[in-house]
Amino acid sequence: MENMEEMVDCTTDYINFCMDTVVPVRSVRCFANNKPWITSDIKGLLNQKKKAFKDGDTQELKQIQKELRVQLREAKEQYRRKIEQRMQNNNMREVWEGMKTITGCSSKRGAPIEGDVGKGKPAKPLL
């Protein structure tokens, strides 16, 4: 039986080695100042807006700004519905956490976030 466990360990180690050498690793950066309603679509629009501003394309900038306003309004409305649903389910802890996030009010100022990823440092690698 001990020989079988050694074979399993050896095979598992080899598979992990192969995955480490073949599968690319990405670092994801998270910032604490992003509100919960900021989605990847909104981030994409913000990046387009920055590019249009940098290029000096005022027409494109106005169009993107208009779309950004609509997307933000929809995302905030969706987040509001999520908070209201938590209230209806009597999940007050999550409601208050959401309210603190919205208002920027926190009783634990300066407390490190898990893995300290909130400071713009690279997060744990994703497979």
C-alpha atoms as a PDB file:
ATOM      1  CA  MET A   1       0.000   0.000   0.000  1.00  0.00           C
ATOM      2  CA  GLU A   2       2.880   2.364   0.751  1.00  0.00           C
ATOM      3  CA  ASN A   3       4.239   1.808  -2.761  1.00  0.00           C
ATOM      4  CA  MET A   4       0.855   2.852  -4.203  1.00  0.00           C
ATOM      5  CA  GLU A   5       0.907   6.118  -2.215  1.00  0.00           C
ATOM      6  CA  GLU A   6       4.413   6.876  -3.486  1.00  0.00           C
ATOM      7  CA  MET A   7       3.262   6.332  -7.066  1.00  0.00           C
ATOM      8  CA  VAL A   8       0.278   8.632  -6.541  1.00  0.00           C
ATOM      9  CA  ASP A   9       2.506  11.321  -4.992  1.00  0.00           C
ATOM     10  CA  CYS A  10       5.023  11.006  -7.825  1.00  0.00           C
ATOM     11  CA  THR A  11       2.309  11.236 -10.489  1.00  0.00           C
ATOM     12  CA  THR A  12       0.646  14.191  -8.788  1.00  0.00           C
ATOM     13  CA  ASP A  13       3.972  16.029  -8.491  1.00  0.00           C
ATOM     14  CA  TYR A  14       4.696  15.418 -12.182  1.00  0.00           C
ATOM     15  CA  ILE A  15       1.245  16.693 -13.223  1.00  0.00           C
ATOM     16  CA  ASN A  16       1.711  19.819 -11.085  1.00  0.00           C
ATOM     17  CA  PHE A  17       5.171  20.357 -12.605  1.00  0.00           C
ATOM     18  CA  CYS A  18       3.732  20.089 -16.124  1.00  0.00           C
ATOM     19  CA  MET A  19       0.935  22.521 -15.262  1.00  0.00           C
ATOM     20  CA  ASP A  20       3.413  25.010 -13.793  1.00  0.00           C
ATOM     21  CA  THR A  21       5.537  24.959 -16.945  1.00  0.00           C
ATOM     22  CA  VAL A  22       2.731  24.958 -19.529  1.00  0.00           C
ATOM     23  CA  VAL A  23      -0.213  26.901 -18.093  1.00  0.00           C
ATOM     24  CA  PRO A  24       0.322  30.686 -18.170  1.00  0.00           C
ATOM     25  CA  VAL A  25      -0.025  32.593 -14.908  1.00  0.00           C
ATOM     26  CA  ARG A  26      -1.726  35.983 -14.797  1.00  0.00           C
ATOM     27  CA  SER A  27      -1.556  38.567 -12.077  1.00  0.00           C
ATOM     28  CA  VAL A  28      -4.729  40.521 -11.454  1.00  0.00           C
ATOM     29  CA  ARG A  29      -4.630  43.927  -9.842  1.00  0.00           C
ATOM     30  CA  CYS A  30      -7.550  44.999  -7.702  1.00  0.00           C
ATOM     31  CA  PHE A  31      -8.000  48.495  -6.383  1.00  0.00           C
ATOM     32  CA  ALA A  32      -9.911  49.314  -3.226  1.00  0.00           C
ATOM     33  CA  ASN A  33     -11.351  52.502  -4.694  1.00  0.00           C
ATOM     34  CA  ASN A  34     -13.499  50.664  -7.263  1.00  0.00           C
ATOM     35  CA  LYS A  35     -17.127  50.679  -6.229  1.00  0.00           C
ATOM     36  CA  PRO A  36     -19.028  47.377  -6.425  1.00  0.00           C
ATOM     37  CA  TRP A  37     -21.124  48.546  -9.378  1.00  0.00           C
ATOM     38  CA  ILE A  38     -18.056  49.115 -11.568  1.00  0.00           C
ATOM     39  CA  THR A  39     -18.143  46.219 -14.038  1.00  0.00           C
ATOM     40  CA  SER A  40     -15.677  45.152 -16.703  1.00  0.00           C
ATOM     41  CA  ASP A  41     -17.880  46.841 -19.340  1.00  0.00           C
ATOM     42  CA  ILE A  42     -17.707  50.137 -17.467  1.00  0.00           C
ATOM     43  CA  LYS A  43     -13.935  49.766 -17.024  1.00  0.00           C
ATOM     44  CA  GLY A  44     -13.683  49.226 -20.782  1.00  0.00           C
ATOM     45  CA  LEU A  45     -15.676  52.398 -21.433  1.00  0.00           C
ATOM     46  CA  LEU A  46     -13.481  54.329 -19.015  1.00  0.00           C
ATOM     47  CA  ASN A  47     -10.389  53.143 -20.865  1.00  0.00           C
ATOM     48  CA  GLN A  48     -11.961  54.141 -24.205  1.00  0.00           C
ATOM     49  CA  LYS A  49     -12.754  57.555 -22.736  1.00  0.00           C
ATOM     50  CA  LYS A  50      -9.139  57.994 -21.622  1.00  0.00           C
ATOM     51  CA  LYS A  51      -7.907  57.020 -25.096  1.00  0.00           C
ATOM     52  CA  ALA A  52     -10.332  59.419 -26.824  1.00  0.00           C
ATOM     53  CA  PHE A  53      -9.252  62.221 -24.493  1.00  0.00           C
ATOM     54  CA  LYS A  54      -5.593  61.467 -25.129  1.00  0.00           C
ATOM     55  CA  ASP A  55      -6.176  61.443 -28.902  1.00  0.00           C
ATOM     56  CA  GLY A  56      -8.135  64.708 -28.718  1.00  0.00           C
ATOM     57  CA  ASP A  57     -11.207  63.213 -30.436  1.00  0.00           C
ATOM     58  CA  THR A  58     -14.016  65.315 -28.944  1.00  0.00           C
ATOM     59  CA  GLN A  59     -16.854  63.639 -30.886  1.00  0.00           C
ATOM     60  CA  GLU A  60     -15.765  60.185 -29.735  1.00  0.00           C
ATOM     61  CA  LEU A  61     -15.310  61.522 -26.188  1.00  0.00           C
ATOM     62  CA  LYS A  62     -18.890  62.879 -26.094  1.00  0.00           C
ATOM     63  CA  GLN A  63     -20.312  59.614 -27.436  1.00  0.00           C
ATOM     64  CA  ILE A  64     -18.396  57.501 -24.921  1.00  0.00           C
ATOM     65  CA  GLN A  65     -19.318  59.845 -22.059  1.00  0.00           C
ATOM     66  CA  LYS A  66     -22.998  59.511 -22.946  1.00  0.00           C
ATOM     67  CA  GLU A  67     -22.747  55.699 -23.042  1.00  0.00           C
ATOM     68  CA  LEU A  68     -20.788  55.737 -19.782  1.00  0.00           C
ATOM     69  CA  ARG A  69     -23.524  57.750 -18.046  1.00  0.00           C
ATOM     70  CA  VAL A  70     -26.160  55.246 -19.184  1.00  0.00           C
ATOM     71  CA  GLN A  71     -24.066  52.233 -18.132  1.00  0.00           C
ATOM     72  CA  LEU A  72     -23.293  53.751 -14.711  1.00  0.00           C
ATOM     73  CA  ARG A  73     -26.942  54.554 -14.093  1.00  0.00           C
ATOM     74  CA  GLU A  74     -27.943  50.976 -14.959  1.00  0.00           C
ATOM     75  CA  ALA A  75     -25.157  49.437 -12.851  1.00  0.00           C
ATOM     76  CA  LYS A  76     -26.032  51.567  -9.815  1.00  0.00           C
ATOM     77  CA  GLU A  77     -29.707  50.676 -10.225  1.00  0.00           C
ATOM     78  CA  GLN A  78     -28.831  46.985 -10.361  1.00  0.00           C
ATOM     79  CA  TYR A  79     -26.672  47.319  -7.228  1.00  0.00           C
ATOM     80  CA  ARG A  80     -29.502  49.182  -5.468  1.00  0.00           C
ATOM     81  CA  ARG A  81     -31.887  46.322  -6.293  1.00  0.00           C
ATOM     82  CA  LYS A  82     -29.347  43.867  -4.903  1.00  0.00           C
ATOM     83  CA  ILE A  83     -29.142  45.795  -1.607  1.00  0.00           C
ATOM     84  CA  GLU A  84     -32.949  46.030  -1.432  1.00  0.00           C
ATOM     85  CA  GLN A  85     -33.209  42.277  -2.004  1.00  0.00           C
ATOM     86  CA  ARG A  86     -30.857  41.712   0.929  1.00  0.00           C
ATOM     87  CA  MET A  87     -33.082  43.958   3.067  1.00  0.00           C
ATOM     88  CA  GLN A  88     -36.156  41.977   2.070  1.00  0.00           C
ATOM     89  CA  ASN A  89     -34.344  38.770   3.014  1.00  0.00           C
ATOM     90  CA  ASN A  90     -33.472  40.298   6.427  1.00  0.00           C
ATOM     91  CA  ASN A  91     -29.753  39.983   5.737  1.00  0.00           C
ATOM     92  CA  MET A  92     -28.832  43.147   7.623  1.00  0.00           C
ATOM     93  CA  ARG A  93     -25.119  42.374   7.889  1.00  0.00           C
ATOM     94  CA  GLU A  94     -24.691  42.410   4.089  1.00  0.00           C
ATOM     95  CA  VAL A  95     -26.965  45.460   3.812  1.00  0.00           C
ATOM     96  CA  TRP A  96     -24.767  47.458   6.190  1.00  0.00           C
ATOM     97  CA  GLU A  97     -21.599  46.269   4.449  1.00  0.00           C
ATOM     98  CA  GLY A  98     -23.073  47.445   1.152  1.00  0.00           C
ATOM     99  CA  MET A  99     -24.081  50.789   2.632  1.00  0.00           C
ATOM    100  CA  LYS A 100     -20.593  51.298   4.057  1.00  0.00           C
ATOM    101  CA  THR A 101     -19.129  50.531   0.645  1.00  0.00           C
ATOM    102  CA  ILE A 102     -21.447  52.979  -1.099  1.00  0.00           C
ATOM    103  CA  THR A 103     -20.777  55.812   1.326  1.00  0.00           C
ATOM    104  CA  GLY A 104     -17.076  55.098   1.747  1.00  0.00           C
ATOM    105  CA  CYS A 105     -17.553  54.878   5.505  1.00  0.00           C
ATOM    106  CA  SER A 106     -15.481  52.224   7.240  1.00  0.00           C
ATOM    107  CA  SER A 107     -14.710  51.660  10.892  1.00  0.00           C
ATOM    108  CA  LYS A 108     -11.519  49.741  10.111  1.00  0.00           C
ATOM    109  CA  ARG A 109      -9.439  52.412   8.432  1.00  0.00           C
ATOM    110  CA  GLY A 110      -5.993  51.255   7.448  1.00  0.00           C
ATOM    111  CA  ALA A 111      -6.790  47.588   8.044  1.00  0.00           C
ATOM    112  CA  PRO A 112      -5.160  45.387   5.416  1.00  0.00           C
ATOM    113  CA  ILE A 113      -7.433  43.729   2.907  1.00  0.00           C
ATOM    114  CA  GLU A 114      -6.990  40.001   2.257  1.00  0.00           C
ATOM    115  CA  GLY A 115      -3.571  39.535   0.739  1.00  0.00           C
ATOM    116  CA  ASP A 116      -3.208  43.328   0.694  1.00  0.00           C
ATOM    117  CA  VAL A 117      -4.462  43.354  -2.922  1.00  0.00           C
ATOM    118  CA  GLY A 118      -6.421  46.530  -2.311  1.00  0.00           C
ATOM    119  CA  LYS A 119      -3.262  48.617  -2.440  1.00  0.00           C
ATOM    120  CA  GLY A 120      -2.692  48.035  -6.177  1.00  0.00           C
ATOM    121  CA  LYS A 121      -0.253  45.215  -5.585  1.00  0.00           C
ATOM    122  CA  PRO A 122      -0.469  42.080  -7.742  1.00  0.00           C
ATOM    123  CA  ALA A 123      -2.971  39.553  -6.473  1.00  0.00           C
ATOM    124  CA  LYS A 124      -2.559  35.830  -6.233  1.00  0.00           C
ATOM    125  CA  PRO A 125      -1.828  34.261  -9.634  1.00  0.00           C
ATOM    126  CA  LEU A 126      -4.790  32.787 -11.467  1.00  0.00           C
ATOM    127  CA  LEU A 127      -4.535  29.670 -13.595  1.00  0.00           C
END
